[in-house]
C-alpha atoms as a PDB file:
ATOM      1  CA  UNK A   1     -37.885  34.414 -85.188  1.00  0.00           C
ATOM      2  CA  UNK A   2     -41.525  35.245 -84.522  1.00  0.00           C
ATOM      3  CA  UNK A   3     -43.755  32.641 -86.187  1.00  0.00           C
ATOM      4  CA  UNK A   4     -45.946  35.357 -87.689  1.00  0.00           C
ATOM      5  CA  UNK A   5     -42.953  36.963 -89.409  1.00  0.00           C
ATOM      6  CA  UNK A   6     -41.600  33.605 -90.564  1.00  0.00           C
ATOM      7  CA  UNK A   7     -44.945  32.602 -92.097  1.00  0.00           C
ATOM      8  CA  UNK A   8     -45.251  35.968 -93.848  1.00  0.00           C
ATOM      9  CA  UNK A   9     -41.780  35.633 -95.419  1.00  0.00           C
ATOM     10  CA  UNK A  10     -42.288  32.082 -96.654  1.00  0.00           C
ATOM     11  CA  UNK A  11     -45.803  32.726 -98.027  1.00  0.00           C
ATOM     12  CA  UNK A  12     -44.860  35.996 -99.768  1.00  0.00           C
ATOM     13  CA  UNK A  13     -41.443  34.946-101.075  1.00  0.00           C
ATOM     14  CA  UNK A  14     -42.033  35.915-104.717  1.00  0.00           C
ATOM     15  CA  UNK A  15     -43.660  39.248-103.899  1.00  0.00           C
ATOM     16  CA  UNK A  16     -40.875  40.152-101.453  1.00  0.00           C
ATOM     17  CA  UNK A  17     -38.237  39.219-104.023  1.00  0.00           C
ATOM     18  CA  UNK A  18     -39.890  41.311-106.741  1.00  0.00           C
ATOM     19  CA  UNK A  19     -40.281  44.351-104.485  1.00  0.00           C
ATOM     20  CA  UNK A  20     -36.744  43.960-103.133  1.00  0.00           C
ATOM     21  CA  UNK A  21     -35.216  43.801-106.615  1.00  0.00           C
ATOM     22  CA  UNK A  22     -37.153  46.877-107.760  1.00  0.00           C
ATOM     23  CA  UNK A  23     -36.082  48.823-104.682  1.00  0.00           C
ATOM     24  CA  UNK A  24     -32.413  47.757-104.991  1.00  0.00           C
ATOM     25  CA  UNK A  25     -32.258  48.638-108.696  1.00  0.00           C
ATOM     26  CA  UNK A  26     -33.588  52.121-107.998  1.00  0.00           C
ATOM     27  CA  UNK A  27     -30.829  52.753-105.481  1.00  0.00           C
ATOM     28  CA  UNK A  28     -27.999  50.757-107.061  1.00  0.00           C
ATOM     29  CA  UNK A  29     -24.877  52.321-108.519  1.00  0.00           C
ATOM     30  CA  UNK A  30     -25.298  52.446-112.304  1.00  0.00           C
ATOM     31  CA  UNK A  31     -21.845  50.879-112.769  1.00  0.00           C
ATOM     32  CA  UNK A  32     -22.951  47.834-110.803  1.00  0.00           C
ATOM     33  CA  UNK A  33     -25.975  47.221-113.018  1.00  0.00           C
ATOM     34  CA  UNK A  34     -23.892  47.654-116.177  1.00  0.00           C
ATOM     35  CA  UNK A  35     -21.563  44.765-115.309  1.00  0.00           C
ATOM     36  CA  UNK A  36     -24.365  42.430-114.194  1.00  0.00           C
ATOM     37  CA  UNK A  37     -27.050  41.275-116.613  1.00  0.00           C
ATOM     38  CA  UNK A  38     -30.728  41.410-115.593  1.00  0.00           C
ATOM     39  CA  UNK A  39     -30.848  37.627-115.495  1.00  0.00           C
ATOM     40  CA  UNK A  40     -27.758  37.416-113.267  1.00  0.00           C
ATOM     41  CA  UNK A  41     -29.077  40.170-111.002  1.00  0.00           C
ATOM     42  CA  UNK A  42     -32.399  38.350-110.674  1.00  0.00           C
ATOM     43  CA  UNK A  43     -30.746  35.000-109.977  1.00  0.00           C
ATOM     44  CA  UNK A  44     -28.315  36.439-107.422  1.00  0.00           C
ATOM     45  CA  UNK A  45     -31.080  38.430-105.714  1.00  0.00           C
ATOM     46  CA  UNK A  46     -33.146  35.266-105.405  1.00  0.00           C
ATOM     47  CA  UNK A  47     -30.169  33.480-103.861  1.00  0.00           C
ATOM     48  CA  UNK A  48     -29.742  36.313-101.362  1.00  0.00           C
ATOM     49  CA  UNK A  49     -33.384  36.077-100.289  1.00  0.00           C
ATOM     50  CA  UNK A  50     -33.002  32.287 -99.967  1.00  0.00           C
ATOM     51  CA  UNK A  51     -29.961  32.824 -97.731  1.00  0.00           C
ATOM     52  CA  UNK A  52     -32.002  35.127 -95.507  1.00  0.00           C
ATOM     53  CA  UNK A  53     -34.931  32.702 -95.366  1.00  0.00           C
ATOM     54  CA  UNK A  54     -32.593  29.807 -94.543  1.00  0.00           C
ATOM     55  CA  UNK A  55     -31.417  31.818 -91.551  1.00  0.00           C
ATOM     56  CA  UNK A  56     -35.022  32.127 -90.338  1.00  0.00           C
ATOM     57  CA  UNK A  57     -35.282  28.321 -90.347  1.00  0.00           C
ATOM     58  CA  UNK A  58     -32.505  27.973 -87.724  1.00  0.00           C
ATOM     59  CA  UNK A  59     -30.587  25.557 -89.948  1.00  0.00           C
ATOM     60  CA  UNK A  60     -27.079  26.803 -89.141  1.00  0.00           C
ATOM     61  CA  UNK A  61     -25.201  24.290 -91.287  1.00  0.00           C
ATOM     62  CA  UNK A  62     -27.263  24.931 -94.425  1.00  0.00           C
ATOM     63  CA  UNK A  63     -27.218  28.676 -93.769  1.00  0.00           C
ATOM     64  CA  UNK A  64     -23.396  28.771 -93.498  1.00  0.00           C
ATOM     65  CA  UNK A  65     -23.008  26.793 -96.717  1.00  0.00           C
ATOM     66  CA  UNK A  66     -25.426  29.025 -98.651  1.00  0.00           C
ATOM     67  CA  UNK A  67     -23.901  32.195 -97.216  1.00  0.00           C
ATOM     68  CA  UNK A  68     -20.398  31.070 -98.180  1.00  0.00           C
ATOM     69  CA  UNK A  69     -21.504  30.324-101.759  1.00  0.00           C
ATOM     70  CA  UNK A  70     -23.346  33.632-101.965  1.00  0.00           C
ATOM     71  CA  UNK A  71     -20.360  35.622-100.631  1.00  0.00           C
ATOM     72  CA  UNK A  72     -18.010  34.056-103.166  1.00  0.00           C
ATOM     73  CA  UNK A  73     -20.449  34.841-105.969  1.00  0.00           C
ATOM     74  CA  UNK A  74     -21.013  38.503-105.097  1.00  0.00           C
ATOM     75  CA  UNK A  75     -17.261  39.067-104.678  1.00  0.00           C
ATOM     76  CA  UNK A  76     -16.735  37.667-108.188  1.00  0.00           C
ATOM     77  CA  UNK A  77     -19.545  39.882-109.504  1.00  0.00           C
ATOM     78  CA  UNK A  78     -18.066  42.936-107.814  1.00  0.00           C
ATOM     79  CA  UNK A  79     -21.026  43.688-105.527  1.00  0.00           C
ATOM     80  CA  UNK A  80     -19.874  46.131-102.810  1.00  0.00           C
ATOM     81  CA  UNK A  81     -20.407  45.109 -99.199  1.00  0.00           C
ATOM     82  CA  UNK A  82     -22.449  48.282 -98.659  1.00  0.00           C
ATOM     83  CA  UNK A  83     -24.854  47.114-101.384  1.00  0.00           C
ATOM     84  CA  UNK A  84     -25.318  43.734 -99.670  1.00  0.00           C
ATOM     85  CA  UNK A  85     -25.801  45.330 -96.224  1.00  0.00           C
ATOM     86  CA  UNK A  86     -28.297  47.787 -97.645  1.00  0.00           C
ATOM     87  CA  UNK A  87     -30.101  44.833 -99.202  1.00  0.00           C
ATOM     88  CA  UNK A  88     -30.614  43.222 -95.796  1.00  0.00           C
ATOM     89  CA  UNK A  89     -31.903  46.511 -94.357  1.00  0.00           C
ATOM     90  CA  UNK A  90     -34.379  46.913 -97.219  1.00  0.00           C
ATOM     91  CA  UNK A  91     -35.516  43.290 -96.799  1.00  0.00           C
ATOM     92  CA  UNK A  92     -36.491  43.834 -93.163  1.00  0.00           C
ATOM     93  CA  UNK A  93     -38.241  47.089 -94.111  1.00  0.00           C
ATOM     94  CA  UNK A  94     -40.272  45.318 -96.827  1.00  0.00           C
ATOM     95  CA  UNK A  95     -41.276  42.581 -94.390  1.00  0.00           C
ATOM     96  CA  UNK A  96     -42.349  45.040 -91.694  1.00  0.00           C
ATOM     97  CA  UNK A  97     -44.268  47.220 -94.173  1.00  0.00           C
ATOM     98  CA  UNK A  98     -46.002  44.156 -95.614  1.00  0.00           C
ATOM     99  CA  UNK A  99     -47.083  42.938 -92.183  1.00  0.00           C
ATOM    100  CA  UNK A 100     -48.468  46.357 -91.302  1.00  0.00           C
ATOM    101  CA  UNK A 101     -50.272  46.800 -94.638  1.00  0.00           C
ATOM    102  CA  UNK A 102     -51.959  43.409 -94.256  1.00  0.00           C
ATOM    103  CA  UNK A 103     -52.994  44.254 -90.712  1.00  0.00           C
ATOM    104  CA  UNK A 104     -51.300  41.147 -89.351  1.00  0.00           C
ATOM    105  CA  UNK A 105     -49.626  42.993 -86.464  1.00  0.00           C
ATOM    106  CA  UNK A 106     -51.792  44.224 -83.583  1.00  0.00           C
ATOM    107  CA  UNK A 107     -50.970  47.846 -82.639  1.00  0.00           C
ATOM    108  CA  UNK A 108     -49.671  46.832 -79.203  1.00  0.00           C
ATOM    109  CA  UNK A 109     -47.211  44.343 -80.771  1.00  0.00           C
ATOM    110  CA  UNK A 110     -45.616  46.607 -83.409  1.00  0.00           C
ATOM    111  CA  UNK A 111     -42.723  47.663 -81.178  1.00  0.00           C
ATOM    112  CA  UNK A 112     -41.962  44.071 -80.186  1.00  0.00           C
ATOM    113  CA  UNK A 113     -42.007  42.939 -83.856  1.00  0.00           C
ATOM    114  CA  UNK A 114     -39.610  45.764 -84.810  1.00  0.00           C
ATOM    115  CA  UNK A 115     -37.327  44.822 -81.917  1.00  0.00           C
ATOM    116  CA  UNK A 116     -37.393  41.156 -82.910  1.00  0.00           C
ATOM    117  CA  UNK A 117     -36.591  41.979 -86.539  1.00  0.00           C
ATOM    118  CA  UNK A 118     -33.641  44.092 -85.388  1.00  0.00           C
ATOM    119  CA  UNK A 119     -32.396  41.322 -83.076  1.00  0.00           C
ATOM    120  CA  UNK A 120     -32.679  38.841 -85.940  1.00  0.00           C
ATOM    121  CA  UNK A 121     -31.050  41.019 -88.619  1.00  0.00           C
ATOM    122  CA  UNK A 122     -28.107  42.313 -86.530  1.00  0.00           C
ATOM    123  CA  UNK A 123     -26.287  38.952 -86.121  1.00  0.00           C
ATOM    124  CA  UNK A 124     -27.197  38.065 -89.721  1.00  0.00           C
ATOM    125  CA  UNK A 125     -25.600  41.292 -90.882  1.00  0.00           C
ATOM    126  CA  UNK A 126     -22.476  40.531 -88.829  1.00  0.00           C
ATOM    127  CA  UNK A 127     -22.319  37.057 -90.335  1.00  0.00           C
ATOM    128  CA  UNK A 128     -22.604  38.462 -93.856  1.00  0.00           C
ATOM    129  CA  UNK A 129     -19.848  41.022 -93.186  1.00  0.00           C
ATOM    130  CA  UNK A 130     -17.578  38.347 -91.723  1.00  0.00           C
ATOM    131  CA  UNK A 131     -18.147  35.870 -94.564  1.00  0.00           C
ATOM    132  CA  UNK A 132     -17.820  38.579 -97.236  1.00  0.00           C
ATOM    133  CA  UNK A 133     -14.558  39.803 -95.678  1.00  0.00           C
ATOM    134  CA  UNK A 134     -13.100  36.294 -95.481  1.00  0.00           C
ATOM    135  CA  UNK A 135     -14.032  35.606 -99.097  1.00  0.00           C
ATOM    136  CA  UNK A 136     -12.615  38.928-100.261  1.00  0.00           C
ATOM    137  CA  UNK A 137      -9.346  38.398 -98.373  1.00  0.00           C
ATOM    138  CA  UNK A 138      -9.032  34.887 -99.806  1.00  0.00           C
ATOM    139  CA  UNK A 139      -9.692  36.183-103.323  1.00  0.00           C
ATOM    140  CA  UNK A 140      -7.172  39.015-102.964  1.00  0.00           C
ATOM    141  CA  UNK A 141      -4.586  36.591-101.566  1.00  0.00           C
ATOM    142  CA  UNK A 142      -4.994  34.243-104.535  1.00  0.00           C
ATOM    143  CA  UNK A 143      -4.828  37.168-106.956  1.00  0.00           C
ATOM    144  CA  UNK A 144      -1.652  38.436-105.272  1.00  0.00           C
ATOM    145  CA  UNK A 145      -0.021  35.021-105.640  1.00  0.00           C
ATOM    146  CA  UNK A 146      -1.031  34.879-109.300  1.00  0.00           C
ATOM    147  CA  UNK A 147       0.294  38.388-109.918  1.00  0.00           C
ATOM    148  CA  UNK A 148       3.582  37.539-108.237  1.00  0.00           C
ATOM    149  CA  UNK A 149       3.961  34.547-110.519  1.00  0.00           C
ATOM    150  CA  UNK A 150       3.236  36.682-113.592  1.00  0.00           C
ATOM    151  CA  UNK A 151       4.900  39.937-112.544  1.00  0.00           C
ATOM    152  CA  UNK A 152       8.494  38.918-113.277  1.00  0.00           C
ATOM    153  CA  UNK A 153       8.706  35.817-115.498  1.00  0.00           C
ATOM    154  CA  UNK A 154      12.076  34.705-116.834  1.00  0.00           C
ATOM    155  CA  UNK A 155      11.522  33.294-120.324  1.00  0.00           C
ATOM    156  CA  UNK A 156      14.085  31.170-122.186  1.00  0.00           C
ATOM    157  CA  UNK A 157      14.069  32.333-125.829  1.00  0.00           C
ATOM    158  CA  UNK A 158      17.187  30.592-127.162  1.00  0.00           C
ATOM    159  CA  UNK A 159      19.726  28.247-125.690  1.00  0.00           C
ATOM    160  CA  UNK A 160      21.665  30.214-123.112  1.00  0.00           C
ATOM    161  CA  UNK A 161      19.562  33.370-123.589  1.00  0.00           C
ATOM    162  CA  UNK A 162      16.652  34.323-121.358  1.00  0.00           C
ATOM    163  CA  UNK A 163      14.439  37.406-121.230  1.00  0.00           C
ATOM    164  CA  UNK A 164      12.601  39.023-118.323  1.00  0.00           C
ATOM    165  CA  UNK A 165       9.930  41.437-119.649  1.00  0.00           C
ATOM    166  CA  UNK A 166       8.844  43.935-116.978  1.00  0.00           C
ATOM    167  CA  UNK A 167       5.532  45.775-117.200  1.00  0.00           C
ATOM    168  CA  UNK A 168       4.147  48.332-114.766  1.00  0.00           C
ATOM    169  CA  UNK A 169       5.488  49.996-111.655  1.00  0.00           C
ATOM    170  CA  UNK A 170       8.364  48.413-109.755  1.00  0.00           C
ATOM    171  CA  UNK A 171       8.166  48.750-105.977  1.00  0.00           C
ATOM    172  CA  UNK A 172      10.354  47.218-103.271  1.00  0.00           C
ATOM    173  CA  UNK A 173       8.273  44.032-102.939  1.00  0.00           C
ATOM    174  CA  UNK A 174       8.225  43.455-106.678  1.00  0.00           C
ATOM    175  CA  UNK A 175      11.961  44.182-106.911  1.00  0.00           C
ATOM    176  CA  UNK A 176      12.590  41.335-104.466  1.00  0.00           C
ATOM    177  CA  UNK A 177      10.478  39.041-106.653  1.00  0.00           C
ATOM    178  CA  UNK A 178      12.440  40.136-109.743  1.00  0.00           C
ATOM    179  CA  UNK A 179      15.738  39.405-108.006  1.00  0.00           C
ATOM    180  CA  UNK A 180      14.595  35.972-106.838  1.00  0.00           C
ATOM    181  CA  UNK A 181      13.186  34.991-110.247  1.00  0.00           C
ATOM    182  CA  UNK A 182      16.326  36.202-112.013  1.00  0.00           C
ATOM    183  CA  UNK A 183      18.693  34.197-109.849  1.00  0.00           C
ATOM    184  CA  UNK A 184      16.606  31.024-109.746  1.00  0.00           C
ATOM    185  CA  UNK A 185      15.764  31.225-113.462  1.00  0.00           C
ATOM    186  CA  UNK A 186      19.329  31.997-114.591  1.00  0.00           C
ATOM    187  CA  UNK A 187      20.606  28.896-112.829  1.00  0.00           C
ATOM    188  CA  UNK A 188      17.661  26.727-113.868  1.00  0.00           C
ATOM    189  CA  UNK A 189      17.923  27.644-117.556  1.00  0.00           C
ATOM    190  CA  UNK A 190      21.737  27.759-117.524  1.00  0.00           C
ATOM    191  CA  UNK A 191      21.608  31.262-118.895  1.00  0.00           C
ATOM    192  CA  UNK A 192      24.690  32.850-120.404  1.00  0.00           C
ATOM    193  CA  UNK A 193      22.930  36.149-121.121  1.00  0.00           C
ATOM    194  CA  UNK A 194      19.896  37.567-119.320  1.00  0.00           C
ATOM    195  CA  UNK A 195      17.992  40.449-120.915  1.00  0.00           C
ATOM    196  CA  UNK A 196      15.851  42.659-118.678  1.00  0.00           C
ATOM    197  CA  UNK A 197      13.309  44.425-120.889  1.00  0.00           C
ATOM    198  CA  UNK A 198      11.879  47.593-119.292  1.00  0.00           C
ATOM    199  CA  UNK A 199       9.906  48.749-122.345  1.00  0.00           C
ATOM    200  CA  UNK A 200       6.686  48.434-120.306  1.00  0.00           C
ATOM    201  CA  UNK A 201       7.991  50.223-117.187  1.00  0.00           C
ATOM    202  CA  UNK A 202       6.445  53.723-117.243  1.00  0.00           C
ATOM    203  CA  UNK A 203       8.858  55.411-114.824  1.00  0.00           C
ATOM    204  CA  UNK A 204      12.497  54.704-113.994  1.00  0.00           C
ATOM    205  CA  UNK A 205      13.570  56.677-110.943  1.00  0.00           C
ATOM    206  CA  UNK A 206      16.548  56.333-108.602  1.00  0.00           C
ATOM    207  CA  UNK A 207      14.962  53.464-106.667  1.00  0.00           C
ATOM    208  CA  UNK A 208      14.013  51.495-109.797  1.00  0.00           C
ATOM    209  CA  UNK A 209      17.467  52.006-111.304  1.00  0.00           C
ATOM    210  CA  UNK A 210      19.064  50.898-108.038  1.00  0.00           C
ATOM    211  CA  UNK A 211      17.016  47.676-108.040  1.00  0.00           C
ATOM    212  CA  UNK A 212      17.934  46.998-111.683  1.00  0.00           C
ATOM    213  CA  UNK A 213      21.641  47.529-110.994  1.00  0.00           C
ATOM    214  CA  UNK A 214      21.421  45.175-108.008  1.00  0.00           C
ATOM    215  CA  UNK A 215      19.695  42.568-110.168  1.00  0.00           C
ATOM    216  CA  UNK A 216      22.384  42.869-112.833  1.00  0.00           C
ATOM    217  CA  UNK A 217      25.122  42.449-110.203  1.00  0.00           C
ATOM    218  CA  UNK A 218      23.362  39.389-108.788  1.00  0.00           C
ATOM    219  CA  UNK A 219      23.091  37.808-112.267  1.00  0.00           C
ATOM    220  CA  UNK A 220      26.821  38.285-112.818  1.00  0.00           C
ATOM    221  CA  UNK A 221      27.532  36.534-109.525  1.00  0.00           C
ATOM    222  CA  UNK A 222      25.859  33.369-110.835  1.00  0.00           C
ATOM    223  CA  UNK A 223      27.951  33.459-114.012  1.00  0.00           C
ATOM    224  CA  UNK A 224      25.657  35.155-116.542  1.00  0.00           C
ATOM    225  CA  UNK A 225      25.853  38.498-118.344  1.00  0.00           C
ATOM    226  CA  UNK A 226      23.011  40.953-117.873  1.00  0.00           C
ATOM    227  CA  UNK A 227      21.679  43.371-120.470  1.00  0.00           C
ATOM    228  CA  UNK A 228      19.109  46.135-120.007  1.00  0.00           C
ATOM    229  CA  UNK A 229      16.758  46.644-122.969  1.00  0.00           C
ATOM    230  CA  UNK A 230      13.982  49.110-123.741  1.00  0.00           C
ATOM    231  CA  UNK A 231      15.790  52.340-122.837  1.00  0.00           C
ATOM    232  CA  UNK A 232      13.411  54.893-124.338  1.00  0.00           C
ATOM    233  CA  UNK A 233      14.587  58.505-124.918  1.00  0.00           C
ATOM    234  CA  UNK A 234      12.598  59.862-121.969  1.00  0.00           C
ATOM    235  CA  UNK A 235      13.993  57.181-119.666  1.00  0.00           C
ATOM    236  CA  UNK A 236      17.537  57.865-120.895  1.00  0.00           C
ATOM    237  CA  UNK A 237      17.039  61.555-120.160  1.00  0.00           C
ATOM    238  CA  UNK A 238      15.687  60.775-116.687  1.00  0.00           C
ATOM    239  CA  UNK A 239      18.671  58.525-115.929  1.00  0.00           C
ATOM    240  CA  UNK A 240      21.103  61.269-117.022  1.00  0.00           C
ATOM    241  CA  UNK A 241      19.285  63.967-115.020  1.00  0.00           C
ATOM    242  CA  UNK A 242      19.299  61.788-111.915  1.00  0.00           C
ATOM    243  CA  UNK A 243      22.995  61.055-112.303  1.00  0.00           C
ATOM    244  CA  UNK A 244      22.414  57.295-112.198  1.00  0.00           C
ATOM    245  CA  UNK A 245      25.487  55.295-113.149  1.00  0.00           C
ATOM    246  CA  UNK A 246      24.717  52.437-115.541  1.00  0.00           C
ATOM    247  CA  UNK A 247      28.289  52.087-116.794  1.00  0.00           C
ATOM    248  CA  UNK A 248      28.473  48.515-115.531  1.00  0.00           C
ATOM    249  CA  UNK A 249      25.289  47.491-117.344  1.00  0.00           C
ATOM    250  CA  UNK A 250      25.059  46.896-121.108  1.00  0.00           C
ATOM    251  CA  UNK A 251      22.038  48.819-122.438  1.00  0.00           C
ATOM    252  CA  UNK A 252      20.038  48.583-125.680  1.00  0.00           C
ATOM    253  CA  UNK A 253      17.113  50.677-126.800  1.00  0.00           C
ATOM    254  CA  UNK A 254      15.032  47.704-128.023  1.00  0.00           C
ATOM    255  CA  UNK A 255      14.637  44.047-127.140  1.00  0.00           C
ATOM    256  CA  UNK A 256      15.417  43.130-130.766  1.00  0.00           C
ATOM    257  CA  UNK A 257      18.838  44.762-130.551  1.00  0.00           C
ATOM    258  CA  UNK A 258      19.361  43.159-127.181  1.00  0.00           C
ATOM    259  CA  UNK A 259      18.748  39.671-128.588  1.00  0.00           C
ATOM    260  CA  UNK A 260      21.097  40.382-131.488  1.00  0.00           C
ATOM    261  CA  UNK A 261      23.803  41.475-129.030  1.00  0.00           C
ATOM    262  CA  UNK A 262      23.149  38.414-126.864  1.00  0.00           C
ATOM    263  CA  UNK A 263      23.638  36.168-129.909  1.00  0.00           C
ATOM    264  CA  UNK A 264      26.994  37.834-130.583  1.00  0.00           C
ATOM    265  CA  UNK A 265      28.029  37.291-126.969  1.00  0.00           C
ATOM    266  CA  UNK A 266      27.249  33.594-127.370  1.00  0.00           C
ATOM    267  CA  UNK A 267      29.106  33.405-130.737  1.00  0.00           C
ATOM    268  CA  UNK A 268      25.958  33.248-132.867  1.00  0.00           C
ATOM    269  CA  UNK A 269      24.126  35.525-135.235  1.00  0.00           C
ATOM    270  CA  UNK A 270      20.961  35.721-137.298  1.00  0.00           C
ATOM    271  CA  UNK A 271      21.451  35.160-141.031  1.00  0.00           C
ATOM    272  CA  UNK A 272      18.995  35.477-143.898  1.00  0.00           C
ATOM    273  CA  UNK A 273      18.274  32.287-145.777  1.00  0.00           C
ATOM    274  CA  UNK A 274      18.057  32.748-149.523  1.00  0.00           C
ATOM    275  CA  UNK A 275      14.977  31.285-151.136  1.00  0.00           C
ATOM    276  CA  UNK A 276      15.622  28.577-153.663  1.00  0.00           C
ATOM    277  CA  UNK A 277      14.676  29.558-157.221  1.00  0.00           C
END
C-alpha cells in the first residue's frame, strides 16, 4: 500500500472509526441494530477497522488470525455479508475523502491513489468473503449436526417403555434419522413398547404417514410394539380423507393415554396411593 495512505490510516484511526460507524449506522438495517447493543457494535466495528489496518501492514499471519476471529464473531452476531462488504467500501471512501480534504494528494496523483486503493481493497474483499463463507458453512454444519441429534430423541421413561416426541415438519432426511434412532434406541434400551408422539407435528400427509408406518414396522422387527400418540381431530380427519391405512398401528389421542396403554401391555398399571391419616 502507498505509504501516504498507510500513514493517513494509522494516524487518523479514531476519526476514521467514528466516521465509519456513523455512516454504517445510517445505512444499516434497523433489525441489525436492534439485536446488537451500541457497545457491541462499537467494539465489533473497531475490530473490523483493526483487521483492515493489519492487512495494510503486510502481516499475513496476523491478518488471517484476526480475520478468522472477526468472521466467526459477525456470523454469531448475524451481520449479513453485504453489510461487511459495504463496510469495506465505505472505509476506502472515507480514506480517499480524508486524503483529498487534507490536501495530501497532488492533483496528478489522485487517479493513481484511487487505483491503488481499489487494487488493495479487491483482494481484501475476496478474503473477507471467503473467510465469512467458510465460517458460515462451518456454523451451519455444526447446527445441522446438533439439530439431527435433537430432532428425533428416543427417551426411556419407564423400564421397557420409551417415547419419541416429534416436533415440526418431517421430511425424507428427518424420517431416515427417526428410523435410525428408533431402531438403535429400541435395542439399546431393550424397549418392549415404543411410543411415537406426533402432538407437535403440524401436518400429517401421505408421505409422513408412510414414514411413520415404516418406522412402526421396523420397531416390530426388533421385537418391540409401536404406538402412535397425539392423533388430534384434524389429523384424524386428514388421515381418513387421504385413505391412509393405520390398522396395523395402535393409536392414542394423547401421550398420557399411550403411556397408560403401554403399562397395560407390560402388565403394569398406575394406582393411586392413599394418604395415611
